[in-house]
Amino acid sequence: MSTTTPAQHDPAPALSAASASVPAPVAIAPPAAPSVPPAAPRRSRPPARDGKVTGQPAFVLHSYPHKETSLIVDVFTREYGRIALVAKGAKRPHSQLRGVLQTFQPLQAGWTGKSELRILTGAEWVGGMLPLEKTALLCGFYLNELLVKLLARDDPHPVLFDHYVATLNQLAHNEPPPIVLRKFERALLKETGVAADLTRCTGTRQAVEAGQVYVVDPERGPRPARAADAWPKITGKTLLDMEREEYTDVATQAQSKLLMRFLLAHQLGGATLNTRQILIDLMQL
């Protein structure tokens, strides 16, 4: 159900009748300006006119009460990253937003403002995705908790957004959760710039060999394992399998689970993941 009118776009300026009737003068090219290109932004996103954005693909990650009748909604958007929006009146019994601002539902959202806390101006359910149920639903909450705790606000990640959509679809279609989660965890670390190349040893840059045993330094990458290492010991085959997203081998599944748990714990800096513990208790994911 839509709570807003479709996204509006500024029409192109039209020529007036007077200007259309006057012959155009011969154009004289102005002198070329000095070529000093501005520094390119790290990630691109569409410009927001006067702080207003409409029709942005988005998913609700989390929401919590704000004042008496409103919510603060943590939203993952394709072109603007993770942002916080105030949904005014969303807690009122007859608010149309109550049924729209649900997790794992594709939305088109609009907002206004330039501060860290913006004002939601509209949210429209897009549809086209199966709902998550049972274990898949819990896996979805795990994904959302990872995004909330590891993504900085206002940092666009369009590739990760697309991967998130694909992951939700895979879970909804009952693809094996352990494999689906490992792929997403790896994509998350890559997109946030903290995933090392698993095919090369740190320092020496020698190729990882399938038959050797390694540990992965969270800050640098793989290196040959030593007897005194307390970090998870991983075979080279598992590292190579993870780099090419090949998880059919049972040993790869088991070792990649331990490795990703270790790497994520390092990035979280000791913060706990509530949904992960529930998943461990239920399915040993």
Protein backbone atom coordinates (compact mmCIF):
# COMPACT_ATOMS: atom_id res chain seq x y z
CA MET A 1 0.00 0.00 0.00
CA SER A 2 1.37 3.36 -0.97
CA THR A 3 1.63 6.17 1.54
CA THR A 4 2.97 8.70 -0.89
CA THR A 5 2.37 9.93 -4.37
CA PRO A 6 4.89 8.74 -7.00
CA ALA A 7 8.28 10.43 -6.99
CA GLN A 8 8.22 13.84 -8.67
CA HIS A 9 11.02 15.03 -10.93
CA ASP A 10 11.81 18.60 -11.94
CA PRO A 11 10.66 19.12 -15.52
CA ALA A 12 13.16 20.50 -18.00
CA PRO A 13 12.82 24.29 -18.42
CA ALA A 14 10.66 25.20 -21.42
CA LEU A 15 11.40 27.96 -23.97
CA SER A 16 8.99 30.87 -23.80
CA ALA A 17 6.98 31.80 -26.90
CA ALA A 18 8.86 35.07 -27.20
CA SER A 19 12.24 33.43 -27.17
CA ALA A 20 11.09 30.81 -29.68
CA SER A 21 10.14 33.52 -32.26
CA VAL A 22 13.50 35.33 -32.21
CA PRO A 23 16.23 33.95 -34.53
CA ALA A 24 19.05 32.51 -32.58
CA PRO A 25 22.29 34.57 -32.73
CA VAL A 26 25.46 33.03 -34.01
CA ALA A 27 27.12 31.32 -31.07
CA ILE A 28 30.65 32.40 -30.21
CA ALA A 29 32.57 29.88 -28.19
CA PRO A 30 33.90 31.36 -24.94
CA PRO A 31 37.53 30.86 -24.09
CA ALA A 32 38.22 27.49 -22.55
CA ALA A 33 38.36 27.48 -18.78
CA PRO A 34 41.43 26.06 -17.13
CA SER A 35 41.09 22.31 -16.79
CA VAL A 36 41.18 21.69 -13.06
CA PRO A 37 38.90 18.75 -12.36
CA PRO A 38 37.57 18.60 -8.82
CA ALA A 39 38.52 15.70 -6.61
CA ALA A 40 36.18 12.80 -7.29
CA PRO A 41 34.07 11.64 -4.34
CA ARG A 42 34.83 8.20 -2.98
CA ARG A 43 31.36 6.98 -3.95
CA SER A 44 28.78 8.56 -6.21
CA ARG A 45 25.17 9.22 -5.38
CA PRO A 46 22.43 11.33 -6.95
CA PRO A 47 22.29 14.96 -5.86
CA ALA A 48 19.55 15.84 -3.38
CA ARG A 49 17.77 19.06 -4.38
CA ASP A 50 17.33 21.21 -1.27
CA GLY A 51 17.89 18.12 0.87
CA LYS A 52 14.89 16.33 -0.64
CA VAL A 53 15.13 12.76 -1.93
CA THR A 54 12.32 10.73 -3.50
CA GLY A 55 11.90 7.24 -4.89
CA GLN A 56 15.05 5.78 -3.29
CA PRO A 57 15.24 1.95 -3.08
CA ALA A 58 15.43 1.08 0.61
CA PHE A 59 14.97 -1.55 3.31
CA VAL A 60 14.17 -1.04 6.99
CA LEU A 61 16.94 -2.48 9.16
CA HIS A 62 15.64 -1.49 12.58
CA SER A 63 13.22 0.93 14.22
CA TYR A 64 12.58 2.20 17.73
CA PRO A 65 10.11 4.61 19.38
CA HIS A 66 10.56 8.36 19.15
CA LYS A 67 8.44 10.61 21.32
CA GLU A 68 4.78 9.61 21.69
CA THR A 69 3.66 8.78 18.17
CA SER A 70 6.76 8.56 15.99
CA LEU A 71 9.55 6.13 15.14
CA ILE A 72 13.21 6.48 14.28
CA VAL A 73 13.84 4.11 11.41
CA ASP A 74 17.30 2.86 10.47
CA VAL A 75 17.13 2.39 6.69
CA PHE A 76 19.56 0.86 4.20
CA THR A 77 19.29 2.71 0.88
CA ARG A 78 20.99 1.91 -2.40
CA GLU A 79 22.52 5.29 -3.20
CA TYR A 80 22.79 6.94 0.22
CA GLY A 81 23.81 4.01 2.43
CA ARG A 82 22.50 3.60 5.96
CA ILE A 83 20.52 6.60 7.20
CA ALA A 84 18.25 7.45 10.13
CA LEU A 85 14.75 8.78 9.43
CA VAL A 86 12.06 10.14 11.72
CA ALA A 87 8.70 8.60 10.74
CA LYS A 88 6.27 11.10 12.23
CA GLY A 89 3.01 9.61 13.49
CA ALA A 90 4.01 6.06 12.51
CA LYS A 91 2.89 4.69 15.90
CA ARG A 92 -0.65 6.01 15.56
CA PRO A 93 -3.23 3.21 15.18
CA HIS A 94 -4.45 4.38 11.78
CA SER A 95 -1.11 5.42 10.33
CA GLN A 96 -0.53 3.87 6.91
CA LEU A 97 3.18 3.77 7.70
CA ARG A 98 2.61 1.05 10.33
CA GLY A 99 2.07 -1.57 7.64
CA VAL A 100 4.77 -0.28 5.29
CA LEU A 101 7.82 0.17 7.51
CA GLN A 102 8.49 -3.53 7.91
CA THR A 103 11.83 -5.33 7.68
CA PHE A 104 12.75 -7.29 4.54
CA GLN A 105 10.16 -5.47 2.43
CA PRO A 106 11.50 -3.55 -0.60
CA LEU A 107 10.49 0.10 -0.41
CA GLN A 108 10.78 3.33 -2.29
CA ALA A 109 11.45 5.99 0.32
CA GLY A 110 11.64 9.74 0.36
CA TRP A 111 12.98 12.14 2.95
CA THR A 112 14.04 15.70 3.56
CA GLY A 113 16.80 17.31 5.56
CA LYS A 114 20.58 17.38 5.60
CA SER A 115 21.30 16.57 9.24
CA GLU A 116 22.12 13.11 10.56
CA LEU A 117 18.45 12.63 11.49
CA ARG A 118 16.23 13.30 8.47
CA ILE A 119 12.44 13.41 8.14
CA LEU A 120 10.67 10.61 6.27
CA THR A 121 8.30 12.14 3.72
CA GLY A 122 6.97 8.94 2.19
CA ALA A 123 7.40 5.19 1.89
CA GLU A 124 5.88 2.94 -0.73
CA TRP A 125 5.95 -0.84 -0.72
CA VAL A 126 7.40 -2.12 -3.99
CA GLY A 127 6.78 -5.85 -3.66
CA GLY A 128 8.24 -8.63 -5.76
CA MET A 129 9.96 -10.57 -2.95
CA LEU A 130 8.84 -13.61 -1.03
CA PRO A 131 8.54 -13.19 2.75
CA LEU A 132 11.17 -14.72 5.01
CA GLU A 133 9.94 -17.48 7.30
CA LYS A 134 11.28 -19.56 10.16
CA THR A 135 15.07 -19.94 10.01
CA ALA A 136 15.35 -17.66 6.98
CA LEU A 137 13.65 -14.90 8.98
CA LEU A 138 16.19 -15.21 11.78
CA CYS A 139 19.01 -15.16 9.22
CA GLY A 140 17.55 -11.94 7.84
CA PHE A 141 17.69 -10.32 11.27
CA TYR A 142 21.31 -11.43 11.52
CA LEU A 143 22.09 -9.65 8.24
CA ASN A 144 20.39 -6.49 9.49
CA GLU A 145 22.32 -6.56 12.76
CA LEU A 146 25.59 -6.87 10.86
CA LEU A 147 24.71 -3.87 8.69
CA VAL A 148 23.65 -1.73 11.65
CA LYS A 149 26.84 -2.47 13.59
CA LEU A 150 29.40 -2.45 10.77
CA LEU A 151 28.18 0.19 8.30
CA ALA A 152 28.84 3.85 8.99
CA ARG A 153 25.93 6.16 8.32
CA ASP A 154 25.79 8.13 5.06
CA ASP A 155 28.35 5.87 3.36
CA PRO A 156 26.85 4.56 0.08
CA HIS A 157 27.36 0.90 -0.79
CA PRO A 158 25.27 0.18 -3.92
CA VAL A 159 27.07 -3.12 -4.63
CA LEU A 160 26.45 -4.32 -1.08
CA PHE A 161 22.81 -3.21 -1.34
CA ASP A 162 22.36 -5.38 -4.43
CA HIS A 163 24.07 -8.27 -2.63
CA TYR A 164 21.69 -7.79 0.32
CA VAL A 165 18.67 -8.03 -1.99
CA ALA A 166 20.08 -11.16 -3.64
CA THR A 167 20.77 -12.70 -0.21
CA LEU A 168 17.20 -12.09 0.99
CA ASN A 169 15.90 -13.74 -2.18
CA GLN A 170 18.19 -16.74 -1.69
CA LEU A 171 17.03 -17.17 1.90
CA ALA A 172 13.38 -16.84 0.84
CA HIS A 173 13.91 -19.59 -1.74
CA ASN A 174 15.37 -21.94 0.89
CA GLU A 175 18.96 -21.95 -0.31
CA PRO A 176 21.34 -23.34 2.36
CA PRO A 177 21.64 -20.62 5.04
CA PRO A 178 25.27 -21.38 6.03
CA ILE A 179 26.49 -20.88 2.46
CA VAL A 180 24.30 -17.83 1.87
CA LEU A 181 25.51 -16.19 5.09
CA ARG A 182 29.19 -16.87 4.40
CA LYS A 183 28.93 -15.19 1.00
CA PHE A 184 27.21 -12.14 2.47
CA GLU A 185 29.68 -11.83 5.36
CA ARG A 186 32.57 -11.90 2.91
CA ALA A 187 30.88 -9.32 0.65
CA LEU A 188 30.28 -7.06 3.66
CA LEU A 189 33.95 -7.11 4.65
CA LYS A 190 35.01 -6.47 1.05
CA GLU A 191 32.65 -3.52 0.60
CA THR A 192 33.73 -1.93 3.87
CA GLY A 193 37.37 -2.24 2.83
CA VAL A 194 38.60 -4.63 5.52
CA ALA A 195 38.75 -7.94 3.60
CA ALA A 196 42.20 -9.12 2.58
CA ASP A 197 43.01 -11.09 -0.56
CA LEU A 198 42.81 -14.73 0.54
CA THR A 199 44.87 -16.00 -2.39
CA ARG A 200 48.15 -14.29 -1.37
CA CYS A 201 50.23 -14.40 1.80
CA THR A 202 50.69 -11.11 3.55
CA GLY A 203 54.22 -9.72 3.39
CA THR A 204 55.69 -12.23 0.93
CA ARG A 205 52.77 -12.08 -1.55
CA GLN A 206 53.35 -15.74 -2.29
CA ALA A 207 50.36 -17.65 -3.63
CA VAL A 208 48.31 -19.55 -1.06
CA GLU A 209 48.71 -23.30 -1.60
CA ALA A 210 45.73 -25.60 -1.19
CA GLY A 211 47.65 -28.20 0.82
CA GLN A 212 49.18 -25.82 3.36
CA VAL A 213 47.72 -24.51 6.64
CA TYR A 214 47.33 -20.78 7.33
CA VAL A 215 45.98 -18.23 9.76
CA VAL A 216 44.40 -14.96 8.65
CA ASP A 217 45.58 -11.76 10.31
CA PRO A 218 42.42 -9.56 10.53
CA GLU A 219 44.47 -6.47 9.62
CA ARG A 220 46.76 -7.93 6.96
CA GLY A 221 45.65 -11.26 5.53
CA PRO A 222 46.82 -14.90 5.35
CA ARG A 223 50.19 -16.18 6.46
CA PRO A 224 51.54 -19.70 7.16
CA ALA A 225 50.32 -21.05 10.51
CA ARG A 226 52.70 -21.50 13.42
CA ALA A 227 52.39 -23.99 16.24
CA ALA A 228 51.85 -21.21 18.80
CA ASP A 229 49.06 -19.47 16.82
CA ALA A 230 45.76 -19.11 18.71
CA TRP A 231 43.88 -17.86 15.63
CA PRO A 232 41.77 -20.35 13.64
CA LYS A 233 43.94 -22.56 11.43
CA ILE A 234 42.56 -22.75 7.89
CA THR A 235 43.68 -24.84 4.95
CA GLY A 236 44.75 -23.11 1.79
CA LYS A 237 41.96 -24.92 -0.05
CA THR A 238 39.35 -23.27 2.18
CA LEU A 239 40.85 -19.82 1.56
CA LEU A 240 40.87 -20.38 -2.20
CA ASP A 241 37.32 -21.73 -2.10
CA MET A 242 36.13 -18.66 -0.18
CA GLU A 243 37.77 -16.29 -2.64
CA ARG A 244 35.86 -17.88 -5.54
CA GLU A 245 32.65 -18.37 -3.47
CA GLU A 246 32.77 -22.16 -3.73
CA TYR A 247 31.31 -23.76 -0.60
CA THR A 248 30.33 -27.27 -1.67
CA ASP A 249 33.15 -28.90 0.33
CA VAL A 250 32.05 -29.78 3.88
CA ALA A 251 35.48 -28.88 5.29
CA THR A 252 35.30 -25.49 3.58
CA GLN A 253 31.90 -24.84 5.15
CA ALA A 254 33.15 -25.70 8.64
CA GLN A 255 36.42 -23.77 8.43
CA SER A 256 34.90 -20.72 6.74
CA LYS A 257 32.34 -20.48 9.55
CA LEU A 258 35.12 -20.34 12.15
CA LEU A 259 37.16 -17.88 10.13
CA MET A 260 34.29 -15.48 9.46
CA ARG A 261 33.24 -15.59 13.12
CA PHE A 262 36.81 -14.63 14.06
CA LEU A 263 37.14 -11.84 11.47
CA LEU A 264 33.74 -10.32 12.27
CA ALA A 265 34.44 -10.38 16.00
CA HIS A 266 37.60 -8.38 15.34
CA GLN A 267 35.72 -5.77 13.28
CA LEU A 268 32.97 -5.54 15.89
CA GLY A 269 35.55 -4.72 18.56
CA GLY A 270 33.97 -6.95 21.17
CA ALA A 271 30.33 -6.02 20.47
CA THR A 272 28.03 -9.02 20.61
CA LEU A 273 25.64 -10.12 17.91
CA ASN A 274 22.39 -11.19 19.52
CA THR A 275 21.01 -12.95 16.47
CA ARG A 276 24.22 -14.89 15.88
CA GLN A 277 24.01 -16.50 19.32
CA ILE A 278 20.43 -17.52 18.63
CA LEU A 279 21.46 -18.97 15.27
CA ILE A 280 24.34 -20.86 16.89
CA ASP A 281 21.96 -22.33 19.45
CA LEU A 282 19.41 -23.35 16.84
CA MET A 283 21.41 -24.39 13.78
CA GLN A 284 25.11 -24.11 14.50
CA LEU A 285 25.43 -21.55 11.69
